[in-house]
Protein backbone atom coordinates (compact mmCIF):
# COMPACT_ATOMS: atom_id res chain seq x y z
CA MET A 1 0.00 0.00 0.00
CA LYS A 2 1.29 3.43 -0.93
CA PRO A 3 1.82 5.94 1.85
CA LEU A 4 -1.20 8.24 1.96
CA LYS A 5 0.83 11.37 1.31
CA GLN A 6 1.57 9.90 -2.13
CA LEU A 7 -2.14 9.52 -2.86
CA LYS A 8 -2.49 13.29 -3.28
CA LEU A 9 -5.19 13.65 -0.65
CA SER A 10 -4.08 17.12 0.37
CA VAL A 11 -6.26 19.00 -2.14
CA PRO A 12 -9.52 17.16 -1.33
CA LEU A 13 -8.70 17.39 2.38
CA GLN A 14 -8.45 21.16 2.12
CA LYS A 15 -11.68 21.56 0.11
CA ASP A 16 -13.99 19.14 1.90
CA PRO A 17 -12.11 17.36 4.67
CA ILE A 18 -12.43 13.60 4.76
CA THR A 19 -13.36 12.67 8.29
CA SER A 20 -13.26 8.87 8.02
CA PHE A 21 -11.54 6.04 6.17
CA LEU A 22 -13.19 2.65 5.89
CA TYR A 23 -10.57 -0.04 5.21
CA LEU A 24 -11.75 -3.50 4.14
CA CYS A 25 -8.55 -5.57 4.51
CA PRO A 26 -7.53 -7.71 7.50
CA GLU A 27 -3.87 -6.60 7.43
CA PRO A 28 -2.87 -3.90 9.90
CA TYR A 29 -3.03 -0.40 8.47
CA PRO A 30 0.54 0.77 7.71
CA ASP A 31 2.08 2.86 10.49
CA HIS A 32 2.93 5.78 8.19
CA ASN A 33 -0.71 5.89 7.05
CA VAL A 34 -1.96 5.76 10.65
CA GLU A 35 0.26 8.74 11.43
CA PHE A 36 -1.21 10.62 8.46
CA LEU A 37 -4.73 9.88 9.70
CA LYS A 38 -3.90 11.02 13.22
CA ALA A 39 -2.25 14.21 11.97
CA ASN A 40 -5.35 15.01 9.90
CA ARG A 41 -7.87 13.90 12.55
CA ILE A 42 -9.31 11.21 10.30
CA HIS A 43 -11.04 8.27 11.96
CA LEU A 44 -10.14 4.78 10.70
CA PHE A 45 -12.77 2.04 10.56
CA GLN A 46 -11.35 -1.37 9.68
CA PHE A 47 -13.38 -4.38 8.60
CA GLY A 48 -11.06 -7.28 7.82
CA ILE A 49 -12.46 -9.11 4.82
CA GLU A 50 -10.10 -11.68 3.35
CA GLY A 51 -9.18 -11.11 -0.29
CA THR A 52 -9.75 -14.68 -1.39
CA LYS A 53 -10.08 -15.70 -5.01
CA GLU A 54 -12.63 -17.81 -6.84
CA PRO A 55 -13.87 -20.47 -6.59
CA PHE A 56 -13.66 -20.12 -2.79
CA VAL A 57 -14.75 -16.51 -2.32
CA ASN A 58 -16.51 -16.04 1.00
CA ILE A 59 -17.76 -12.53 1.58
CA PRO A 60 -19.02 -12.33 5.17
CA GLU A 61 -22.46 -10.70 5.01
CA ILE A 62 -22.37 -9.69 8.69
CA THR A 63 -19.14 -7.74 8.09
CA ILE A 64 -20.63 -6.01 5.04
CA ARG A 65 -23.67 -5.09 7.15
CA GLU A 66 -21.47 -3.65 9.91
CA ALA A 67 -19.44 -1.67 7.38
CA LEU A 68 -22.64 -0.36 5.80
CA GLN A 69 -23.73 0.99 9.18
CA VAL A 70 -20.54 3.09 9.21
CA VAL A 71 -21.10 4.19 5.60
CA LEU A 72 -24.70 5.21 6.28
CA ASP A 73 -23.89 7.19 9.42
CA VAL A 74 -23.63 10.80 8.22
CA ASN A 75 -21.42 11.59 11.23
CA ASN A 76 -18.67 9.66 9.40
CA HIS A 77 -18.97 11.70 6.18
CA PRO A 78 -17.13 12.53 4.03
CA LEU A 79 -15.87 8.97 3.95
CA LEU A 80 -13.26 7.21 1.83
CA ILE A 81 -13.80 3.47 1.28
CA HIS A 82 -10.90 1.32 0.15
CA CYS A 83 -9.25 -2.08 0.10
CA LYS A 84 -6.13 -3.05 -1.83
CA ARG A 85 -7.34 -2.58 -5.40
CA GLY A 86 -10.81 -1.10 -4.96
CA LYS A 87 -12.44 -3.86 -6.98
CA HIS A 88 -13.86 -6.81 -5.07
CA ARG A 89 -14.30 -5.94 -1.40
CA THR A 90 -14.98 -2.27 -2.09
CA GLY A 91 -17.11 -3.20 -5.10
CA CYS A 92 -19.28 -5.55 -3.04
CA LEU A 93 -19.74 -2.99 -0.28
CA VAL A 94 -20.67 -0.23 -2.72
CA GLY A 95 -22.93 -2.61 -4.65
CA CYS A 96 -24.80 -3.42 -1.44
CA LEU A 97 -25.03 0.30 -0.68
CA ARG A 98 -26.53 0.84 -4.12
CA LYS A 99 -29.05 -1.90 -3.40
CA ILE A 100 -30.03 -0.11 -0.17
CA GLU A 101 -30.43 3.05 -2.27
CA ARG A 102 -32.79 1.00 -4.46
CA TRP A 103 -30.70 0.99 -7.62
CA CYS A 104 -31.68 -1.67 -10.12
CA LEU A 105 -29.31 -4.63 -10.47
CA THR A 106 -28.38 -3.65 -14.03
CA SER A 107 -26.95 -0.32 -12.85
CA ILE A 108 -25.30 -1.88 -9.80
CA PHE A 109 -23.54 -4.43 -12.01
CA GLU A 110 -22.57 -1.79 -14.59
CA GLU A 111 -20.92 0.33 -11.91
CA TYR A 112 -19.17 -2.70 -10.40
CA GLN A 113 -17.90 -3.86 -13.81
CA ARG A 114 -16.67 -0.37 -14.69
CA PHE A 115 -14.27 -0.46 -11.73
CA ALA A 116 -13.50 -4.19 -11.59
CA ALA A 117 -13.02 -4.39 -15.40
CA ALA A 118 -11.38 -7.67 -16.42
CA LYS A 119 -11.24 -8.70 -12.73
CA ALA A 120 -15.05 -8.68 -12.30
CA ARG A 121 -16.28 -11.79 -10.49
CA ILE A 122 -19.60 -13.52 -10.95
CA SER A 123 -19.45 -14.45 -7.25
CA ASP A 124 -19.28 -10.75 -6.28
CA GLN A 125 -22.32 -10.01 -8.42
CA ARG A 126 -24.16 -13.01 -7.00
CA PHE A 127 -23.41 -11.71 -3.49
CA MET A 128 -24.83 -8.29 -4.37
CA GLU A 129 -27.86 -9.84 -6.03
CA VAL A 130 -28.88 -11.95 -3.02
CA PHE A 131 -27.95 -9.32 -0.42
CA ASP A 132 -31.07 -8.48 1.59
CA ALA A 133 -31.23 -4.70 1.89
CA SER A 134 -34.64 -4.68 3.55
CA GLY A 135 -33.17 -4.31 7.05
CA PHE A 136 -31.90 -0.81 6.24
CA LYS A 137 -34.71 1.70 6.73
CA ASP A 138 -35.21 5.36 5.90
CA ILE A 139 -32.44 5.52 3.32
CA PRO A 140 -33.11 8.05 0.55
CA THR A 141 -33.26 6.68 -2.96
CA SER A 142 -30.24 7.59 -5.06
CA PRO A 143 -30.59 8.41 -8.77
CA CYS A 144 -30.15 5.37 -10.99
CA SER A 145 -30.12 5.04 -14.74
CA CYS A 146 -32.98 2.50 -14.50
CA ILE A 147 -35.33 4.91 -12.80
CA LYS A 148 -37.36 7.21 -15.07
CA ARG A 149 -37.96 10.57 -13.42
């Protein structure tokens, strides 16, 4: 993982300060990145989801649900979500968020595939498809290309 100072976060931090990072990997957050977060008063939420590969991908739904509670809490905004590559773990979390926002599956999958590209996994899409978003209440609907307004 690159040190955060190399990620050019200084401009966005000055405009609209990020208050929280949500990290989806089980490995400890690098010390130099922790120092950056402390220096900028950014809260770190870590949900350790293993980065396993098919055919034995096991995305823990309870962990996704816990992470979504952090994402949905406006006290944690603005929030940066990341894992190692921003494809599978992040893609599944964001896909589930989109489902809570009542996006149609076509748009959820299009967004996921745009970022996962050649690394897109059917198992990730299956996880998003069967994810039960009904337990999340009072979430405003987000615009989706499937919804005619």
